[in-house]
Amino acid sequence: MEASVIRAKLGLLIRLIDTTTGAAVEESNVRFFVNGQSARPAPRGGGCFVFINTEREDIRLDVEAFGFEKAGADVRYEELDDRIPTCDIFLIPSERNAQRGTVIGIFGNLPFLEALEAITPDYPLCRLGSFNVKGHKMTVIKQAGRALDMDYGYYGILQADGNSYEKIIVSSTDADSTAILKKDLQLPYTVNAAVCRIIFGSVDAKGNYLLRIRDKGGSSKLLVRYVRKGEEYFQRIDLKVPEECVLNAHLQKKKKPVIEAAEEKEETKESV
């Protein structure tokens, strides 16, 4: 009797993440929609769901999870890893779900808004030690008594002026204090700069926006990053100061320095 071989191909891995904590969303009451039609990816635990043996075609994926706001993403396979195509869906807790604790945030409307996110500068995950272009390796200075956990993947390195940050994506960690980035840093960095987890907000086609964090009774200050008409802006906001909790449409775009000069200097040094 010949043995039969069953082959299965991963179509898409979906990770549901609580954007206020960075933790996996373990909620079982979740509904998925692909291009507006109900879909049933298989649960795999840890907030993960998978489509198996489905075509790898670009789709619109929407999610409704109990206790969270509706969320979605445009899945473009050319932007995903070919081996394990992964779509991260960041869920914003609903104000109506008191069991998950109190949340505070900002909401409103800003025409032509394209993206919204923030970091909490007063609560860094760790601090930057050094960066090695070879291998995109970033060493970090951990907080005392805390292990390095950067599985969340999306972080911001606070710039020296404290008014902007560079967004980075961590693809893996290969040592107790080393993170591998998806690409090189584009801005100058300073040793001991705060590395903070990015909190993602939501923006719809009409410019309606929403971003929340959990109110733990401490600092409620955010450094917000948003994109409008293709331009990047930063704004400091204290969520407990109502007049600050509106995105400013009249801010000047942040002109960030480049590191070409530094790289050129390094190349010259090596050639001597």
C-alpha atoms as a PDB file:
ATOM      1  CA  MET A   1       0.000   0.000   0.000  1.00  0.00           C
ATOM      2  CA  GLU A   2       1.485   3.324  -1.060  1.00  0.00           C
ATOM      3  CA  ALA A   3       1.665   6.104   1.523  1.00  0.00           C
ATOM      4  CA  SER A   4      -0.339   9.207   0.641  1.00  0.00           C
ATOM      5  CA  VAL A   5       1.160  12.665   1.022  1.00  0.00           C
ATOM      6  CA  ILE A   6      -1.019  15.620   1.948  1.00  0.00           C
ATOM      7  CA  ARG A   7       0.479  18.999   1.144  1.00  0.00           C
ATOM      8  CA  ALA A   8      -0.787  22.243   2.595  1.00  0.00           C
ATOM      9  CA  LYS A   9       0.323  25.729   1.612  1.00  0.00           C
ATOM     10  CA  LEU A  10       0.056  28.749   3.857  1.00  0.00           C
ATOM     11  CA  GLY A  11      -2.057  31.395   2.186  1.00  0.00           C
ATOM     12  CA  LEU A  12      -1.869  34.021   4.945  1.00  0.00           C
ATOM     13  CA  LEU A  13      -0.984  34.268   8.631  1.00  0.00           C
ATOM     14  CA  ILE A  14      -3.033  36.853  10.537  1.00  0.00           C
ATOM     15  CA  ARG A  15      -1.853  38.219  13.888  1.00  0.00           C
ATOM     16  CA  LEU A  16      -4.345  40.126  16.050  1.00  0.00           C
ATOM     17  CA  ILE A  17      -2.546  42.573  18.344  1.00  0.00           C
ATOM     18  CA  ASP A  18      -3.858  44.877  21.072  1.00  0.00           C
ATOM     19  CA  THR A  19      -2.182  48.118  20.000  1.00  0.00           C
ATOM     20  CA  THR A  20      -2.391  49.599  23.516  1.00  0.00           C
ATOM     21  CA  THR A  21      -0.334  46.792  25.086  1.00  0.00           C
ATOM     22  CA  GLY A  22       1.394  45.010  22.212  1.00  0.00           C
ATOM     23  CA  ALA A  23      -0.040  41.714  23.461  1.00  0.00           C
ATOM     24  CA  ALA A  24      -1.799  39.114  21.336  1.00  0.00           C
ATOM     25  CA  VAL A  25      -5.587  39.351  21.301  1.00  0.00           C
ATOM     26  CA  GLU A  26      -6.864  36.039  22.651  1.00  0.00           C
ATOM     27  CA  GLU A  27     -10.550  36.920  22.120  1.00  0.00           C
ATOM     28  CA  SER A  28     -12.425  33.970  20.584  1.00  0.00           C
ATOM     29  CA  ASN A  29     -15.407  36.008  19.396  1.00  0.00           C
ATOM     30  CA  VAL A  30     -13.862  37.250  16.149  1.00  0.00           C
ATOM     31  CA  ARG A  31     -15.317  37.649  12.671  1.00  0.00           C
ATOM     32  CA  PHE A  32     -13.305  37.995   9.467  1.00  0.00           C
ATOM     33  CA  PHE A  33     -14.301  39.421   6.098  1.00  0.00           C
ATOM     34  CA  VAL A  34     -12.385  39.121   2.829  1.00  0.00           C
ATOM     35  CA  ASN A  35     -13.417  41.665   0.220  1.00  0.00           C
ATOM     36  CA  GLY A  36     -16.644  42.160   2.145  1.00  0.00           C
ATOM     37  CA  GLN A  37     -17.500  38.449   2.319  1.00  0.00           C
ATOM     38  CA  SER A  38     -17.481  36.434   5.542  1.00  0.00           C
ATOM     39  CA  ALA A  39     -14.397  34.200   5.873  1.00  0.00           C
ATOM     40  CA  ARG A  40     -13.169  31.638   8.396  1.00  0.00           C
ATOM     41  CA  PRO A  41      -9.419  31.377   8.838  1.00  0.00           C
ATOM     42  CA  ALA A  42      -8.337  28.587  11.190  1.00  0.00           C
ATOM     43  CA  PRO A  43      -7.362  29.650  14.736  1.00  0.00           C
ATOM     44  CA  ARG A  44      -3.842  28.753  15.836  1.00  0.00           C
ATOM     45  CA  GLY A  45      -3.721  30.332  19.309  1.00  0.00           C
ATOM     46  CA  GLY A  46      -1.819  33.352  20.517  1.00  0.00           C
ATOM     47  CA  GLY A  47      -4.029  35.686  18.498  1.00  0.00           C
ATOM     48  CA  CYS A  48      -3.028  33.946  15.255  1.00  0.00           C
ATOM     49  CA  PHE A  49      -5.272  32.729  12.447  1.00  0.00           C
ATOM     50  CA  VAL A  50      -4.323  31.154   9.123  1.00  0.00           C
ATOM     51  CA  PHE A  51      -5.727  30.710   5.655  1.00  0.00           C
ATOM     52  CA  ILE A  52      -4.536  27.394   4.225  1.00  0.00           C
ATOM     53  CA  ASN A  53      -4.427  26.525   0.511  1.00  0.00           C
ATOM     54  CA  THR A  54      -5.924  29.850  -0.527  1.00  0.00           C
ATOM     55  CA  GLU A  55      -4.713  31.852  -3.511  1.00  0.00           C
ATOM     56  CA  ARG A  56      -2.161  34.520  -2.738  1.00  0.00           C
ATOM     57  CA  GLU A  57      -4.133  37.350  -4.260  1.00  0.00           C
ATOM     58  CA  ASP A  58      -4.330  40.890  -2.900  1.00  0.00           C
ATOM     59  CA  ILE A  59      -7.400  41.306  -0.694  1.00  0.00           C
ATOM     60  CA  ARG A  60      -9.128  43.649   1.694  1.00  0.00           C
ATOM     61  CA  LEU A  61      -9.226  42.016   5.132  1.00  0.00           C
ATOM     62  CA  ASP A  62     -11.570  43.317   7.845  1.00  0.00           C
ATOM     63  CA  VAL A  63     -11.855  42.123  11.443  1.00  0.00           C
ATOM     64  CA  GLU A  64     -14.529  42.462  14.121  1.00  0.00           C
ATOM     65  CA  ALA A  65     -13.393  41.294  17.577  1.00  0.00           C
ATOM     66  CA  PHE A  66     -15.505  41.594  20.715  1.00  0.00           C
ATOM     67  CA  GLY A  67     -14.268  44.430  22.951  1.00  0.00           C
ATOM     68  CA  PHE A  68     -12.391  46.178  20.152  1.00  0.00           C
ATOM     69  CA  GLU A  69     -13.095  48.658  17.389  1.00  0.00           C
ATOM     70  CA  LYS A  70     -13.488  47.317  13.859  1.00  0.00           C
ATOM     71  CA  ALA A  71     -10.188  47.144  12.012  1.00  0.00           C
ATOM     72  CA  GLY A  72      -8.825  46.113   8.660  1.00  0.00           C
ATOM     73  CA  ALA A  73      -5.937  46.175   6.237  1.00  0.00           C
ATOM     74  CA  ASP A  74      -5.213  45.960   2.535  1.00  0.00           C
ATOM     75  CA  VAL A  75      -3.176  42.792   2.042  1.00  0.00           C
ATOM     76  CA  ARG A  76      -0.580  43.210  -0.720  1.00  0.00           C
ATOM     77  CA  TYR A  77       1.492  40.081  -1.186  1.00  0.00           C
ATOM     78  CA  GLU A  78       4.378  41.881  -2.882  1.00  0.00           C
ATOM     79  CA  GLU A  79       4.992  43.578   0.480  1.00  0.00           C
ATOM     80  CA  LEU A  80       4.896  40.341   2.504  1.00  0.00           C
ATOM     81  CA  ASP A  81       7.416  37.604   3.178  1.00  0.00           C
ATOM     82  CA  ASP A  82       7.049  34.932   0.529  1.00  0.00           C
ATOM     83  CA  ARG A  83       7.713  32.067   2.942  1.00  0.00           C
ATOM     84  CA  ILE A  84       5.363  33.172   5.728  1.00  0.00           C
ATOM     85  CA  PRO A  85       3.112  35.979   4.474  1.00  0.00           C
ATOM     86  CA  THR A  86       1.937  37.725   7.629  1.00  0.00           C
ATOM     87  CA  CYS A  87      -0.667  40.429   8.153  1.00  0.00           C
ATOM     88  CA  ASP A  88      -0.656  42.239  11.504  1.00  0.00           C
ATOM     89  CA  ILE A  89      -4.009  43.718  12.515  1.00  0.00           C
ATOM     90  CA  PHE A  90      -3.765  46.254  15.335  1.00  0.00           C
ATOM     91  CA  LEU A  91      -6.943  46.400  17.397  1.00  0.00           C
ATOM     92  CA  ILE A  92      -8.023  49.442  19.416  1.00  0.00           C
ATOM     93  CA  PRO A  93      -9.958  48.618  22.622  1.00  0.00           C
ATOM     94  CA  SER A  94     -13.540  49.807  22.724  1.00  0.00           C
ATOM     95  CA  GLU A  95     -14.543  52.295  25.412  1.00  0.00           C
ATOM     96  CA  ARG A  96     -17.612  50.165  26.090  1.00  0.00           C
ATOM     97  CA  ASN A  97     -15.622  47.179  27.316  1.00  0.00           C
ATOM     98  CA  ALA A  98     -14.908  48.135  30.931  1.00  0.00           C
ATOM     99  CA  GLN A  99     -13.430  44.716  31.725  1.00  0.00           C
ATOM    100  CA  ARG A 100     -10.289  45.616  29.836  1.00  0.00           C
ATOM    101  CA  GLY A 101      -9.697  48.782  31.863  1.00  0.00           C
ATOM    102  CA  THR A 102     -10.034  52.489  31.172  1.00  0.00           C
ATOM    103  CA  VAL A 103      -8.777  53.881  27.894  1.00  0.00           C
ATOM    104  CA  ILE A 104      -8.077  57.470  26.884  1.00  0.00           C
ATOM    105  CA  GLY A 105      -7.175  58.891  23.509  1.00  0.00           C
ATOM    106  CA  ILE A 106      -7.826  61.279  20.668  1.00  0.00           C
ATOM    107  CA  PHE A 107     -10.411  61.311  17.915  1.00  0.00           C
ATOM    108  CA  GLY A 108     -11.594  63.756  15.290  1.00  0.00           C
ATOM    109  CA  ASN A 109     -11.462  64.538  11.609  1.00  0.00           C
ATOM    110  CA  LEU A 110      -8.600  65.845   9.486  1.00  0.00           C
ATOM    111  CA  PRO A 111      -9.128  65.791   5.715  1.00  0.00           C
ATOM    112  CA  PHE A 112      -6.456  64.033   3.631  1.00  0.00           C
ATOM    113  CA  LEU A 113      -5.130  62.174   6.690  1.00  0.00           C
ATOM    114  CA  GLU A 114      -3.480  58.887   5.673  1.00  0.00           C
ATOM    115  CA  ALA A 115      -1.892  57.351   8.780  1.00  0.00           C
ATOM    116  CA  LEU A 116      -1.761  57.894  12.543  1.00  0.00           C
ATOM    117  CA  GLU A 117       0.429  56.396  15.267  1.00  0.00           C
ATOM    118  CA  ALA A 118       2.263  57.457  18.444  1.00  0.00           C
ATOM    119  CA  ILE A 119       4.844  56.546  21.062  1.00  0.00           C
ATOM    120  CA  THR A 120       4.898  57.239  24.809  1.00  0.00           C
ATOM    121  CA  PRO A 121       8.345  58.854  25.362  1.00  0.00           C
ATOM    122  CA  ASP A 122       8.037  58.556  29.149  1.00  0.00           C
ATOM    123  CA  TYR A 123       7.790  54.753  28.924  1.00  0.00           C
ATOM    124  CA  PRO A 124      10.602  53.437  26.722  1.00  0.00           C
ATOM    125  CA  LEU A 125      10.928  49.698  26.225  1.00  0.00           C
ATOM    126  CA  CYS A 126      14.714  49.990  26.185  1.00  0.00           C
ATOM    127  CA  ARG A 127      17.428  52.365  25.016  1.00  0.00           C
ATOM    128  CA  LEU A 128      19.660  52.372  21.968  1.00  0.00           C
ATOM    129  CA  GLY A 129      23.230  51.207  22.469  1.00  0.00           C
ATOM    130  CA  SER A 130      24.717  51.078  18.975  1.00  0.00           C
ATOM    131  CA  PHE A 131      23.920  50.220  15.374  1.00  0.00           C
ATOM    132  CA  ASN A 132      25.964  48.145  12.947  1.00  0.00           C
ATOM    133  CA  VAL A 133      25.062  48.613   9.290  1.00  0.00           C
ATOM    134  CA  LYS A 134      26.407  45.140   8.534  1.00  0.00           C
ATOM    135  CA  GLY A 135      23.505  42.837   9.258  1.00  0.00           C
ATOM    136  CA  HIS A 136      21.229  45.727  10.348  1.00  0.00           C
ATOM    137  CA  LYS A 137      22.112  44.951  13.973  1.00  0.00           C
ATOM    138  CA  MET A 138      20.988  47.224  16.783  1.00  0.00           C
ATOM    139  CA  THR A 139      22.205  46.646  20.315  1.00  0.00           C
ATOM    140  CA  VAL A 140      20.018  47.932  23.102  1.00  0.00           C
ATOM    141  CA  ILE A 141      20.380  48.832  26.744  1.00  0.00           C
ATOM    142  CA  LYS A 142      17.733  46.908  28.650  1.00  0.00           C
ATOM    143  CA  GLN A 143      15.919  48.138  31.702  1.00  0.00           C
ATOM    144  CA  ALA A 144      17.209  46.541  34.884  1.00  0.00           C
ATOM    145  CA  GLY A 145      15.490  43.270  35.657  1.00  0.00           C
ATOM    146  CA  ARG A 146      13.679  43.048  32.323  1.00  0.00           C
ATOM    147  CA  ALA A 147      14.305  40.601  29.493  1.00  0.00           C
ATOM    148  CA  LEU A 148      14.459  41.894  25.931  1.00  0.00           C
ATOM    149  CA  ASP A 149      11.119  41.238  24.252  1.00  0.00           C
ATOM    150  CA  MET A 150      10.726  42.857  20.835  1.00  0.00           C
ATOM    151  CA  ASP A 151       8.351  40.343  19.232  1.00  0.00           C
ATOM    152  CA  TYR A 152       5.853  43.170  18.683  1.00  0.00           C
ATOM    153  CA  GLY A 153       8.109  44.348  15.873  1.00  0.00           C
ATOM    154  CA  TYR A 154       7.231  48.052  15.515  1.00  0.00           C
ATOM    155  CA  TYR A 155       9.175  50.689  17.448  1.00  0.00           C
ATOM    156  CA  GLY A 156      10.285  54.301  17.338  1.00  0.00           C
ATOM    157  CA  ILE A 157      13.727  55.704  18.223  1.00  0.00           C
ATOM    158  CA  LEU A 158      13.295  59.103  19.848  1.00  0.00           C
ATOM    159  CA  GLN A 159      15.440  61.787  18.206  1.00  0.00           C
ATOM    160  CA  ALA A 160      17.756  64.052  20.208  1.00  0.00           C
ATOM    161  CA  ASP A 161      15.362  67.014  20.110  1.00  0.00           C
ATOM    162  CA  GLY A 162      12.560  64.891  21.565  1.00  0.00           C
ATOM    163  CA  ASN A 163      10.149  66.126  18.915  1.00  0.00           C
ATOM    164  CA  SER A 164      10.290  63.272  16.393  1.00  0.00           C
ATOM    165  CA  TYR A 165      11.208  59.619  16.098  1.00  0.00           C
ATOM    166  CA  GLU A 166      12.450  57.189  13.499  1.00  0.00           C
ATOM    167  CA  LYS A 167      10.134  54.281  12.862  1.00  0.00           C
ATOM    168  CA  ILE A 168      11.857  50.889  12.795  1.00  0.00           C
ATOM    169  CA  ILE A 169      10.731  47.305  12.256  1.00  0.00           C
ATOM    170  CA  VAL A 170      12.468  44.525  14.186  1.00  0.00           C
ATOM    171  CA  SER A 171      12.501  41.276  12.259  1.00  0.00           C
ATOM    172  CA  SER A 172      14.197  39.177  14.946  1.00  0.00           C
ATOM    173  CA  THR A 173      16.451  39.181  17.989  1.00  0.00           C
ATOM    174  CA  ASP A 174      19.593  37.046  17.840  1.00  0.00           C
ATOM    175  CA  ALA A 175      21.030  37.664  21.280  1.00  0.00           C
ATOM    176  CA  ASP A 176      19.999  38.876  24.704  1.00  0.00           C
ATOM    177  CA  SER A 177      20.468  42.522  23.714  1.00  0.00           C
ATOM    178  CA  THR A 178      20.642  42.557  19.914  1.00  0.00           C
ATOM    179  CA  ALA A 179      17.793  43.230  17.480  1.00  0.00           C
ATOM    180  CA  ILE A 180      17.916  42.712  13.722  1.00  0.00           C
ATOM    181  CA  LEU A 181      16.158  45.489  11.796  1.00  0.00           C
ATOM    182  CA  LYS A 182      14.507  45.113   8.410  1.00  0.00           C
ATOM    183  CA  LYS A 183      16.525  48.040   7.072  1.00  0.00           C
ATOM    184  CA  ASP A 184      19.241  50.482   8.094  1.00  0.00           C
ATOM    185  CA  LEU A 185      18.582  53.517  10.238  1.00  0.00           C
ATOM    186  CA  GLN A 186      17.975  56.565   8.086  1.00  0.00           C
ATOM    187  CA  LEU A 187      18.641  59.231  10.733  1.00  0.00           C
ATOM    188  CA  PRO A 188      21.509  60.060  13.084  1.00  0.00           C
ATOM    189  CA  TYR A 189      21.078  58.403  16.454  1.00  0.00           C
ATOM    190  CA  THR A 190      22.365  59.095  19.942  1.00  0.00           C
ATOM    191  CA  VAL A 191      23.479  56.496  22.451  1.00  0.00           C
ATOM    192  CA  ASN A 192      20.873  55.997  25.178  1.00  0.00           C
ATOM    193  CA  ALA A 193      18.041  57.270  22.949  1.00  0.00           C
ATOM    194  CA  ALA A 194      14.652  55.956  24.045  1.00  0.00           C
ATOM    195  CA  VAL A 195      13.236  53.050  22.026  1.00  0.00           C
ATOM    196  CA  CYS A 196       9.450  52.999  22.388  1.00  0.00           C
ATOM    197  CA  ARG A 197       6.729  50.699  21.137  1.00  0.00           C
ATOM    198  CA  ILE A 198       4.540  52.217  18.444  1.00  0.00           C
ATOM    199  CA  ILE A 199       0.829  52.511  19.193  1.00  0.00           C
ATOM    200  CA  PHE A 200      -1.209  52.429  15.999  1.00  0.00           C
ATOM    201  CA  GLY A 201      -4.331  54.492  15.484  1.00  0.00           C
ATOM    202  CA  SER A 202      -6.947  54.183  12.766  1.00  0.00           C
ATOM    203  CA  VAL A 203      -7.850  56.474   9.879  1.00  0.00           C
ATOM    204  CA  ASP A 204     -10.714  56.092   7.408  1.00  0.00           C
ATOM    205  CA  ALA A 205     -11.157  57.421   3.882  1.00  0.00           C
ATOM    206  CA  LYS A 206     -12.944  60.537   5.164  1.00  0.00           C
ATOM    207  CA  GLY A 207     -10.139  61.542   7.524  1.00  0.00           C
ATOM    208  CA  ASN A 208     -11.834  60.363  10.722  1.00  0.00           C
ATOM    209  CA  TYR A 209      -9.156  59.270  13.170  1.00  0.00           C
ATOM    210  CA  LEU A 210      -8.908  57.443  16.494  1.00  0.00           C
ATOM    211  CA  LEU A 211      -6.030  56.513  18.790  1.00  0.00           C
ATOM    212  CA  ARG A 212      -6.201  55.202  22.368  1.00  0.00           C
ATOM    213  CA  ILE A 213      -3.925  54.063  25.178  1.00  0.00           C
ATOM    214  CA  ARG A 214      -4.746  52.410  28.495  1.00  0.00           C
ATOM    215  CA  ASP A 215      -4.953  54.834  31.422  1.00  0.00           C
ATOM    216  CA  LYS A 216      -2.601  53.479  34.082  1.00  0.00           C
ATOM    217  CA  GLY A 217      -2.618  56.651  36.132  1.00  0.00           C
ATOM    218  CA  GLY A 218       0.874  57.785  35.108  1.00  0.00           C
ATOM    219  CA  SER A 219       2.041  60.024  32.297  1.00  0.00           C
ATOM    220  CA  SER A 220      -0.459  60.521  29.475  1.00  0.00           C
ATOM    221  CA  LYS A 221       1.936  62.259  27.093  1.00  0.00           C
ATOM    222  CA  LEU A 222       2.246  61.085  23.505  1.00  0.00           C
ATOM    223  CA  LEU A 223       4.473  61.948  20.593  1.00  0.00           C
ATOM    224  CA  VAL A 224       2.094  61.535  17.679  1.00  0.00           C
ATOM    225  CA  ARG A 225       3.221  60.858  14.126  1.00  0.00           C
ATOM    226  CA  TYR A 226       0.781  61.306  11.269  1.00  0.00           C
ATOM    227  CA  VAL A 227       0.888  61.453   7.493  1.00  0.00           C
ATOM    228  CA  ARG A 228      -1.201  63.955   5.565  1.00  0.00           C
ATOM    229  CA  LYS A 229      -1.030  64.496   1.808  1.00  0.00           C
ATOM    230  CA  GLY A 230       2.070  62.326   1.768  1.00  0.00           C
ATOM    231  CA  GLU A 231       3.935  64.492   4.290  1.00  0.00           C
ATOM    232  CA  GLU A 232       5.064  63.374   7.756  1.00  0.00           C
ATOM    233  CA  TYR A 233       4.205  65.423  10.855  1.00  0.00           C
ATOM    234  CA  PHE A 234       4.903  65.079  14.576  1.00  0.00           C
ATOM    235  CA  GLN A 235       2.914  66.581  17.438  1.00  0.00           C
ATOM    236  CA  ARG A 236       3.244  66.373  21.210  1.00  0.00           C
ATOM    237  CA  ILE A 237      -0.043  65.696  22.974  1.00  0.00           C
ATOM    238  CA  ASP A 238      -1.027  65.297  26.618  1.00  0.00           C
ATOM    239  CA  LEU A 239      -4.211  63.230  26.663  1.00  0.00           C
ATOM    240  CA  LYS A 240      -5.279  64.866  29.930  1.00  0.00           C
ATOM    241  CA  VAL A 241      -5.153  68.347  28.407  1.00  0.00           C
ATOM    242  CA  PRO A 242      -8.284  68.533  26.200  1.00  0.00           C
ATOM    243  CA  GLU A 243      -7.119  71.470  24.068  1.00  0.00           C
ATOM    244  CA  GLU A 244      -4.071  69.446  22.958  1.00  0.00           C
ATOM    245  CA  CYS A 245      -6.073  66.412  21.855  1.00  0.00           C
ATOM    246  CA  VAL A 246      -6.678  67.541  18.279  1.00  0.00           C
ATOM    247  CA  LEU A 247      -4.345  66.993  15.342  1.00  0.00           C
ATOM    248  CA  ASN A 248      -2.969  70.291  14.092  1.00  0.00           C
ATOM    249  CA  ALA A 249      -3.468  70.727  10.360  1.00  0.00           C
ATOM    250  CA  HIS A 250      -1.143  73.756  10.290  1.00  0.00           C
ATOM    251  CA  LEU A 251       2.050  72.217  11.646  1.00  0.00           C
ATOM    252  CA  GLN A 252       5.119  72.571   9.494  1.00  0.00           C
ATOM    253  CA  LYS A 253       6.326  69.226   8.213  1.00  0.00           C
ATOM    254  CA  LYS A 254       9.334  67.824  10.025  1.00  0.00           C
ATOM    255  CA  LYS A 255      12.516  68.272   7.985  1.00  0.00           C
ATOM    256  CA  LYS A 256      14.646  65.380   9.137  1.00  0.00           C
ATOM    257  CA  PRO A 257      18.416  65.301   8.605  1.00  0.00           C
ATOM    258  CA  VAL A 258      19.965  62.565   6.524  1.00  0.00           C
ATOM    259  CA  ILE A 259      23.051  60.529   7.315  1.00  0.00           C
ATOM    260  CA  GLU A 260      24.645  60.632   3.879  1.00  0.00           C
ATOM    261  CA  ALA A 261      27.411  62.907   5.159  1.00  0.00           C
ATOM    262  CA  ALA A 262      28.186  60.526   8.018  1.00  0.00           C
ATOM    263  CA  GLU A 263      28.247  57.548   5.674  1.00  0.00           C
ATOM    264  CA  GLU A 264      30.520  59.421   3.238  1.00  0.00           C
ATOM    265  CA  LYS A 265      32.895  60.280   6.087  1.00  0.00           C
ATOM    266  CA  GLU A 266      32.995  56.629   7.140  1.00  0.00           C
ATOM    267  CA  GLU A 267      33.733  55.469   3.585  1.00  0.00           C
ATOM    268  CA  THR A 268      36.573  58.009   3.305  1.00  0.00           C
ATOM    269  CA  LYS A 269      38.065  56.773   6.566  1.00  0.00           C
ATOM    270  CA  GLU A 270      38.014  53.172   5.355  1.00  0.00           C
ATOM    271  CA  SER A 271      39.712  54.077   2.065  1.00  0.00           C
ATOM    272  CA  VAL A 272      42.630  55.867   3.772  1.00  0.00           C
END
